[in-house]
């Protein structure tokens, strides 16, 4: 199960996030999302656990838990919406021959 973890302290790294969830079961992967331009953490990430029961126990235990002075938000990740490939250009003026 893939879980969304929000409102994380900006100082938290992937090792710390993994250890937090490993108290509840085996963690397959951890990914903290960073800003594309600055490379700094954006305050949220994702944790994957193969065992759904362990993942639900982790969600129940860690949702609203205080970590680094912030209350985590943990829930099942929703599928990513296709946000499209960017804006379309204008029609291009013209018309004068």
Protein backbone atom coordinates (compact mmCIF):
# COMPACT_ATOMS: atom_id res chain seq x y z
CA UNK A 1 0.00 0.00 0.00
CA UNK A 2 1.25 3.47 -0.88
CA UNK A 3 0.73 6.11 1.79
CA UNK A 4 0.88 9.88 1.58
CA UNK A 5 2.72 11.56 4.47
CA UNK A 6 2.12 15.30 4.75
CA UNK A 7 3.02 18.15 7.08
CA UNK A 8 6.46 16.65 7.68
CA UNK A 9 9.23 18.70 9.27
CA UNK A 10 11.38 20.10 6.46
CA UNK A 11 14.44 18.72 8.26
CA UNK A 12 13.21 15.10 8.06
CA UNK A 13 15.17 12.83 5.73
CA UNK A 14 14.23 9.53 4.09
CA UNK A 15 16.09 7.44 6.68
CA UNK A 16 14.14 9.05 9.55
CA UNK A 17 10.84 8.61 7.71
CA UNK A 18 11.64 4.96 7.00
CA UNK A 19 12.51 4.31 10.66
CA UNK A 20 9.24 5.90 11.78
CA UNK A 21 7.21 3.51 9.62
CA UNK A 22 9.40 0.44 10.23
CA UNK A 23 8.09 0.41 13.81
CA UNK A 24 4.88 -0.93 12.23
CA UNK A 25 6.20 -3.31 9.55
CA UNK A 26 8.50 -3.72 6.59
CA UNK A 27 8.91 -0.63 4.44
CA UNK A 28 9.46 -1.22 0.72
CA UNK A 29 10.30 2.33 -0.29
CA UNK A 30 10.34 5.93 0.92
CA UNK A 31 10.28 9.06 -1.21
CA UNK A 32 10.38 12.63 0.09
CA UNK A 33 9.31 15.12 -2.56
CA UNK A 34 11.71 17.99 -3.19
CA UNK A 35 11.33 21.31 -4.94
CA UNK A 36 12.44 21.05 -8.54
CA UNK A 37 14.28 24.38 -8.49
CA UNK A 38 15.84 24.47 -5.02
CA UNK A 39 16.14 20.76 -4.18
CA UNK A 40 14.72 21.43 -0.70
CA UNK A 41 12.04 19.13 0.78
CA UNK A 42 8.46 20.27 0.18
CA UNK A 43 7.14 18.82 3.44
CA UNK A 44 5.49 15.68 2.10
CA UNK A 45 6.38 12.28 0.75
CA UNK A 46 5.28 8.71 0.18
CA UNK A 47 5.90 5.42 1.95
CA UNK A 48 5.22 1.99 0.42
CA UNK A 49 4.53 -1.08 2.54
CA UNK A 50 3.68 -4.46 0.97
CA UNK A 51 1.57 -5.62 3.94
CA UNK A 52 -1.72 -3.70 3.86
CA UNK A 53 -2.50 -4.61 7.47
CA UNK A 54 0.84 -3.18 8.66
CA UNK A 55 0.27 -0.10 6.52
CA UNK A 56 -3.16 0.49 8.07
CA UNK A 57 -1.65 0.08 11.55
CA UNK A 58 1.04 2.63 10.64
CA UNK A 59 -1.60 5.07 9.34
CA UNK A 60 -3.66 4.72 12.50
CA UNK A 61 -0.63 5.22 14.74
CA UNK A 62 1.09 8.03 12.84
CA UNK A 63 -1.77 10.17 11.50
CA UNK A 64 -1.76 13.36 13.60
CA UNK A 65 1.37 12.20 15.48
CA UNK A 66 3.67 15.04 16.51
CA UNK A 67 7.08 14.80 14.84
CA UNK A 68 9.53 17.67 15.01
CA UNK A 69 6.83 20.01 16.26
CA UNK A 70 4.46 19.21 13.39
CA UNK A 71 1.44 16.90 13.31
CA UNK A 72 1.84 14.42 10.47
CA UNK A 73 -1.01 13.76 8.05
CA UNK A 74 -0.92 10.11 6.94
CA UNK A 75 -3.44 8.46 4.63
CA UNK A 76 -3.66 6.12 1.68
CA UNK A 77 -2.21 7.78 -1.39
CA UNK A 78 -4.61 8.53 -4.20
CA UNK A 79 -3.63 7.81 -7.79
CA UNK A 80 -1.93 10.77 -9.41
CA UNK A 81 -4.16 12.70 -11.78
CA UNK A 82 -2.82 13.28 -15.25
CA UNK A 83 -2.27 17.00 -15.17
CA UNK A 84 -1.62 17.27 -18.90
CA UNK A 85 1.48 18.22 -20.76
CA UNK A 86 1.47 21.96 -20.26
CA UNK A 87 -0.40 24.84 -21.74
CA UNK A 88 -1.32 25.15 -25.35
CA UNK A 89 -0.14 28.14 -27.29
CA UNK A 90 -2.32 30.87 -28.64
CA UNK A 91 -3.84 30.61 -32.07
CA UNK A 92 -1.36 33.01 -33.63
CA UNK A 93 -2.76 36.28 -34.92
CA UNK A 94 -2.19 36.89 -38.56
CA UNK A 95 -5.04 37.32 -40.91
CA UNK A 96 -3.36 40.18 -42.83
CA UNK A 97 -2.07 39.38 -46.23
